[in-house]
C-alpha atoms as a PDB file:
ATOM      1  CA  MET A   1      45.802-134.957   0.587  1.00  0.00           C
ATOM      2  CA  ILE A   2      45.698-133.552  -2.916  1.00  0.00           C
ATOM      3  CA  ARG A   3      48.871-133.382  -4.915  1.00  0.00           C
ATOM      4  CA  THR A   4      49.453-129.983  -6.398  1.00  0.00           C
ATOM      5  CA  GLU A   5      50.557-131.196  -9.855  1.00  0.00           C
ATOM      6  CA  HIS A   6      47.296-133.153 -10.296  1.00  0.00           C
ATOM      7  CA  ALA A   7      45.175-130.272  -9.072  1.00  0.00           C
ATOM      8  CA  GLY A   8      46.864-127.964 -11.598  1.00  0.00           C
ATOM      9  CA  ALA A   9      46.237-130.426 -14.443  1.00  0.00           C
ATOM     10  CA  TRP A  10      42.547-130.609 -13.521  1.00  0.00           C
ATOM     11  CA  GLN A  11      42.215-126.837 -13.548  1.00  0.00           C
ATOM     12  CA  ARG A  12      43.794-126.572 -17.000  1.00  0.00           C
ATOM     13  CA  ARG A  13      41.358-129.079 -18.551  1.00  0.00           C
ATOM     14  CA  ARG A  14      38.225-127.398 -17.226  1.00  0.00           C
ATOM     15  CA  TRP A  15      36.262-125.409 -19.793  1.00  0.00           C
ATOM     16  CA  THR A  16      34.645-122.113 -18.961  1.00  0.00           C
ATOM     17  CA  LEU A  17      30.887-121.734 -18.876  1.00  0.00           C
ATOM     18  CA  GLN A  18      31.040-119.373 -21.855  1.00  0.00           C
ATOM     19  CA  PHE A  19      32.921-121.970 -23.940  1.00  0.00           C
ATOM     20  CA  ARG A  20      30.510-124.757 -22.973  1.00  0.00           C
ATOM     21  CA  LEU A  21      27.506-122.578 -23.866  1.00  0.00           C
ATOM     22  CA  ALA A  22      29.090-121.668 -27.206  1.00  0.00           C
ATOM     23  CA  ILE A  23      29.751-125.326 -28.053  1.00  0.00           C
ATOM     24  CA  GLY A  24      26.263-126.365 -26.944  1.00  0.00           C
ATOM     25  CA  THR A  25      24.625-123.600 -28.959  1.00  0.00           C
ATOM     26  CA  GLY A  26      26.685-124.484 -32.032  1.00  0.00           C
ATOM     27  CA  VAL A  27      25.734-128.154 -31.773  1.00  0.00           C
ATOM     28  CA  LEU A  28      22.075-127.219 -31.352  1.00  0.00           C
ATOM     29  CA  VAL A  29      22.176-124.970 -34.437  1.00  0.00           C
ATOM     30  CA  VAL A  30      23.799-127.719 -36.525  1.00  0.00           C
ATOM     31  CA  ILE A  31      21.222-130.309 -35.415  1.00  0.00           C
ATOM     32  CA  CYS A  32      18.271-127.971 -36.067  1.00  0.00           C
ATOM     33  CA  SER A  33      19.674-127.002 -39.475  1.00  0.00           C
ATOM     34  CA  PHE A  34      20.075-130.654 -40.446  1.00  0.00           C
ATOM     35  CA  MET A  35      16.532-131.476 -39.311  1.00  0.00           C
ATOM     36  CA  LEU A  36      15.115-128.503 -41.259  1.00  0.00           C
ATOM     37  CA  LEU A  37      17.039-129.540 -44.375  1.00  0.00           C
ATOM     38  CA  MET A  38      15.711-133.112 -44.133  1.00  0.00           C
ATOM     39  CA  PHE A  39      12.152-131.850 -43.589  1.00  0.00           C
ATOM     40  CA  ILE A  40      12.333-129.614 -46.652  1.00  0.00           C
ATOM     41  CA  ASN A  41      13.810-132.381 -48.812  1.00  0.00           C
ATOM     42  CA  VAL A  42      11.162-134.911 -47.802  1.00  0.00           C
ATOM     43  CA  THR A  43       8.356-132.384 -48.285  1.00  0.00           C
ATOM     44  CA  VAL A  44       9.573-131.395 -51.755  1.00  0.00           C
ATOM     45  CA  ALA A  45       9.979-135.049 -52.740  1.00  0.00           C
ATOM     46  CA  ILE A  46       6.403-135.819 -51.689  1.00  0.00           C
ATOM     47  CA  ILE A  47       4.938-132.733 -53.375  1.00  0.00           C
ATOM     48  CA  SER A  48       6.873-133.226 -56.624  1.00  0.00           C
ATOM     49  CA  ASP A  49       5.890-136.905 -56.711  1.00  0.00           C
ATOM     50  CA  ARG A  50       2.216-135.945 -56.443  1.00  0.00           C
ATOM     51  CA  ALA A  51       2.615-133.208 -59.070  1.00  0.00           C
ATOM     52  CA  ILE A  52       4.162-135.654 -61.538  1.00  0.00           C
ATOM     53  CA  ASP A  53       1.373-138.190 -60.936  1.00  0.00           C
ATOM     54  CA  SER A  54      -1.366-135.577 -61.400  1.00  0.00           C
ATOM     55  CA  ALA A  55       0.335-134.202 -64.536  1.00  0.00           C
ATOM     56  CA  LEU A  56       0.406-137.670 -66.079  1.00  0.00           C
ATOM     57  CA  LEU A  57      -3.287-138.147 -65.338  1.00  0.00           C
ATOM     58  CA  ALA A  58      -4.198-134.724 -66.746  1.00  0.00           C
ATOM     59  CA  THR A  59      -2.592-135.231 -70.173  1.00  0.00           C
ATOM     60  CA  PRO A  60      -5.059-136.297 -72.851  1.00  0.00           C
ATOM     61  CA  ALA A  61      -4.574-139.632 -74.506  1.00  0.00           C
ATOM     62  CA  THR A  62      -3.559-139.409 -78.140  1.00  0.00           C
ATOM     63  CA  ASP A  63      -4.289-142.058 -80.737  1.00  0.00           C
END
């Protein structure tokens, strides 16, 4: 036997498929954006580090 007040509470807490897809898509976009941001930051840090090292080697020594 299922009590009616508990069955009603369960139905109110259930999310629709559209809401679950919207939340899942939003979470996926946030995660992908964060990963892209980290990739760009690491790539720029590596490239700028190499550019600074090569610029220091390319400058002529002055007496």
